[in-house]
C-alpha atoms as a PDB file:
ATOM      1  CA  MET A   1      72.029  39.136  88.400  1.00  0.00           C
ATOM      2  CA  PRO A   2      70.183  42.524  87.901  1.00  0.00           C
ATOM      3  CA  GLU A   3      67.589  43.460  90.308  1.00  0.00           C
ATOM      4  CA  PHE A   4      64.958  44.568  87.452  1.00  0.00           C
ATOM      5  CA  THR A   5      65.557  40.956  85.809  1.00  0.00           C
ATOM      6  CA  VAL A   6      65.255  38.922  89.187  1.00  0.00           C
ATOM      7  CA  LEU A   7      61.731  40.790  89.624  1.00  0.00           C
ATOM      8  CA  ALA A   8      60.278  40.383  86.239  1.00  0.00           C
ATOM      9  CA  VAL A   9      61.174  36.584  86.485  1.00  0.00           C
ATOM     10  CA  VAL A  10      59.833  36.454  89.804  1.00  0.00           C
ATOM     11  CA  SER A  11      56.813  38.063  88.872  1.00  0.00           C
ATOM     12  CA  VAL A  12      56.213  35.509  85.969  1.00  0.00           C
ATOM     13  CA  LEU A  13      56.976  32.473  87.902  1.00  0.00           C
ATOM     14  CA  ALA A  14      54.097  34.006  90.855  1.00  0.00           C
ATOM     15  CA  VAL A  15      51.494  34.527  88.517  1.00  0.00           C
ATOM     16  CA  VAL A  16      52.118  31.106  86.808  1.00  0.00           C
ATOM     17  CA  GLY A  17      51.849  29.425  90.017  1.00  0.00           C
ATOM     18  CA  VAL A  18      48.900  31.422  91.334  1.00  0.00           C
ATOM     19  CA  GLU A  19      47.129  29.765  88.132  1.00  0.00           C
ATOM     20  CA  LEU A  20      48.558  26.527  88.350  1.00  0.00           C
ATOM     21  CA  LEU A  21      48.214  25.875  92.092  1.00  0.00           C
ATOM     22  CA  TRP A  22      45.389  28.192  93.173  1.00  0.00           C
ATOM     23  CA  PHE A  23      43.137  29.529  90.881  1.00  0.00           C
ATOM     24  CA  ARG A  24      43.208  26.743  88.106  1.00  0.00           C
ATOM     25  CA  THR A  25      40.942  28.618  85.859  1.00  0.00           C
ATOM     26  CA  GLY A  26      42.385  26.758  82.666  1.00  0.00           C
ATOM     27  CA  LEU A  27      43.306  30.195  81.164  1.00  0.00           C
ATOM     28  CA  PHE A  28      46.351  28.850  79.633  1.00  0.00           C
ATOM     29  CA  GLY A  29      44.614  25.991  77.801  1.00  0.00           C
ATOM     30  CA  LYS A  30      42.407  28.225  75.957  1.00  0.00           C
ATOM     31  CA  ALA A  31      42.972  29.549  72.263  1.00  0.00           C
ATOM     32  CA  GLN A  32      41.186  32.759  72.975  1.00  0.00           C
ATOM     33  CA  PHE A  33      43.745  33.895  75.612  1.00  0.00           C
ATOM     34  CA  TRP A  34      46.666  33.223  73.408  1.00  0.00           C
ATOM     35  CA  ILE A  35      45.006  35.024  70.544  1.00  0.00           C
ATOM     36  CA  ALA A  36      44.210  38.030  72.692  1.00  0.00           C
ATOM     37  CA  TYR A  37      48.082  37.771  73.787  1.00  0.00           C
ATOM     38  CA  ALA A  38      49.367  37.968  70.565  1.00  0.00           C
ATOM     39  CA  ILE A  39      47.435  41.036  69.759  1.00  0.00           C
ATOM     40  CA  ILE A  40      48.493  42.507  73.061  1.00  0.00           C
ATOM     41  CA  LEU A  41      52.201  41.834  72.333  1.00  0.00           C
ATOM     42  CA  PHE A  42      51.600  43.310  68.855  1.00  0.00           C
ATOM     43  CA  PHE A  43      50.688  46.830  70.272  1.00  0.00           C
ATOM     44  CA  GLU A  44      53.191  46.327  73.417  1.00  0.00           C
ATOM     45  CA  CYS A  45      55.957  46.230  70.838  1.00  0.00           C
ATOM     46  CA  LEU A  46      54.651  49.344  69.121  1.00  0.00           C
ATOM     47  CA  VAL A  47      54.281  51.584  71.944  1.00  0.00           C
ATOM     48  CA  ASP A  48      57.367  50.140  74.186  1.00  0.00           C
ATOM     49  CA  GLY A  49      59.505  50.435  71.094  1.00  0.00           C
ATOM     50  CA  TRP A  50      58.737  54.099  70.597  1.00  0.00           C
ATOM     51  CA  LEU A  51      59.160  54.359  74.382  1.00  0.00           C
ATOM     52  CA  THR A  52      62.475  52.800  75.008  1.00  0.00           C
ATOM     53  CA  LYS A  53      64.272  53.267  71.491  1.00  0.00           C
ATOM     54  CA  LEU A  54      67.727  54.375  71.865  1.00  0.00           C
ATOM     55  CA  SER A  55      67.646  56.575  69.370  1.00  0.00           C
ATOM     56  CA  ALA A  56      65.460  59.156  71.373  1.00  0.00           C
ATOM     57  CA  PRO A  57      64.269  57.282  74.723  1.00  0.00           C
ATOM     58  CA  ILE A  58      61.516  58.614  76.377  1.00  0.00           C
ATOM     59  CA  VAL A  59      61.851  55.886  79.143  1.00  0.00           C
ATOM     60  CA  THR A  60      65.240  54.879  80.367  1.00  0.00           C
ATOM     61  CA  TYR A  61      66.736  52.353  82.110  1.00  0.00           C
ATOM     62  CA  ASP A  62      69.928  51.884  84.702  1.00  0.00           C
ATOM     63  CA  PRO A  63      72.179  49.709  83.172  1.00  0.00           C
ATOM     64  CA  ASP A  64      72.987  48.033  86.121  1.00  0.00           C
ATOM     65  CA  GLN A  65      69.480  47.013  87.034  1.00  0.00           C
ATOM     66  CA  PHE A  66      68.782  44.858  84.007  1.00  0.00           C
ATOM     67  CA  SER A  67      70.034  42.061  81.724  1.00  0.00           C
ATOM     68  CA  GLY A  68      70.540  44.588  78.518  1.00  0.00           C
ATOM     69  CA  VAL A  69      68.844  42.330  76.361  1.00  0.00           C
ATOM     70  CA  ARG A  70      66.739  44.268  73.882  1.00  0.00           C
ATOM     71  CA  PHE A  71      64.364  43.009  71.012  1.00  0.00           C
ATOM     72  CA  PRO A  72      62.744  43.736  69.220  1.00  0.00           C
ATOM     73  CA  PHE A  73      62.867  47.798  68.652  1.00  0.00           C
ATOM     74  CA  ASP A  74      65.237  48.261  71.662  1.00  0.00           C
ATOM     75  CA  ILE A  75      62.755  47.103  73.964  1.00  0.00           C
ATOM     76  CA  PRO A  76      64.112  45.442  77.365  1.00  0.00           C
ATOM     77  CA  VAL A  77      63.226  42.139  77.429  1.00  0.00           C
ATOM     78  CA  GLU A  78      62.151  42.313  81.232  1.00  0.00           C
ATOM     79  CA  ASP A  79      59.153  44.651  80.086  1.00  0.00           C
ATOM     80  CA  PHE A  80      57.601  41.682  77.969  1.00  0.00           C
ATOM     81  CA  LEU A  81      57.505  39.655  81.406  1.00  0.00           C
ATOM     82  CA  PHE A  82      56.276  42.368  83.654  1.00  0.00           C
ATOM     83  CA  GLY A  83      53.733  42.759  80.949  1.00  0.00           C
ATOM     84  CA  PHE A  84      52.781  39.049  81.051  1.00  0.00           C
ATOM     85  CA  SER A  85      52.455  39.154  84.636  1.00  0.00           C
ATOM     86  CA  LEU A  86      50.442  42.129  84.550  1.00  0.00           C
ATOM     87  CA  ILE A  87      48.092  41.136  81.860  1.00  0.00           C
ATOM     88  CA  VAL A  88      47.653  37.320  82.897  1.00  0.00           C
ATOM     89  CA  LEU A  89      46.996  38.198  86.549  1.00  0.00           C
ATOM     90  CA  VAL A  90      44.409  40.580  85.601  1.00  0.00           C
ATOM     91  CA  LEU A  91      42.736  38.135  83.561  1.00  0.00           C
ATOM     92  CA  LEU A  92      43.010  35.256  86.074  1.00  0.00           C
ATOM     93  CA  CYS A  93      41.369  37.403  88.509  1.00  0.00           C
ATOM     94  CA  TRP A  94      38.698  38.445  86.024  1.00  0.00           C
ATOM     95  CA  GLU A  95      38.161  34.380  85.363  1.00  0.00           C
ATOM     96  CA  ARG A  96      38.093  33.574  88.851  1.00  0.00           C
ATOM     97  CA  ARG A  97      35.444  36.114  89.508  1.00  0.00           C
ATOM     98  CA  ARG A  98      33.580  35.347  86.481  1.00  0.00           C
ATOM     99  CA  THR A  99      33.171  31.523  87.641  1.00  0.00           C
ATOM    100  CA  GLU A 100      32.278  32.240  91.375  1.00  0.00           C
END
């Protein structure tokens, strides 16, 4: 399996593990989180789609390092996994700090 794909999956598992086993903020159970994340995904698709479009890419990927699956707008699915990890980890740290 390509390195970029493996790291993307590991990042999601690590962040979900941090929430479920350590922080326990309840973030995943809040409708506010899922609504906010849907808004983030909308804009991620617009920006990432423009950056990675195959017709004129600004950002390119080594085909040996990622799965090759692109959806939608030619966006590598790994970008969504890393994006989820980054956004959720920031929100988890914010929630954790807020409740201390």
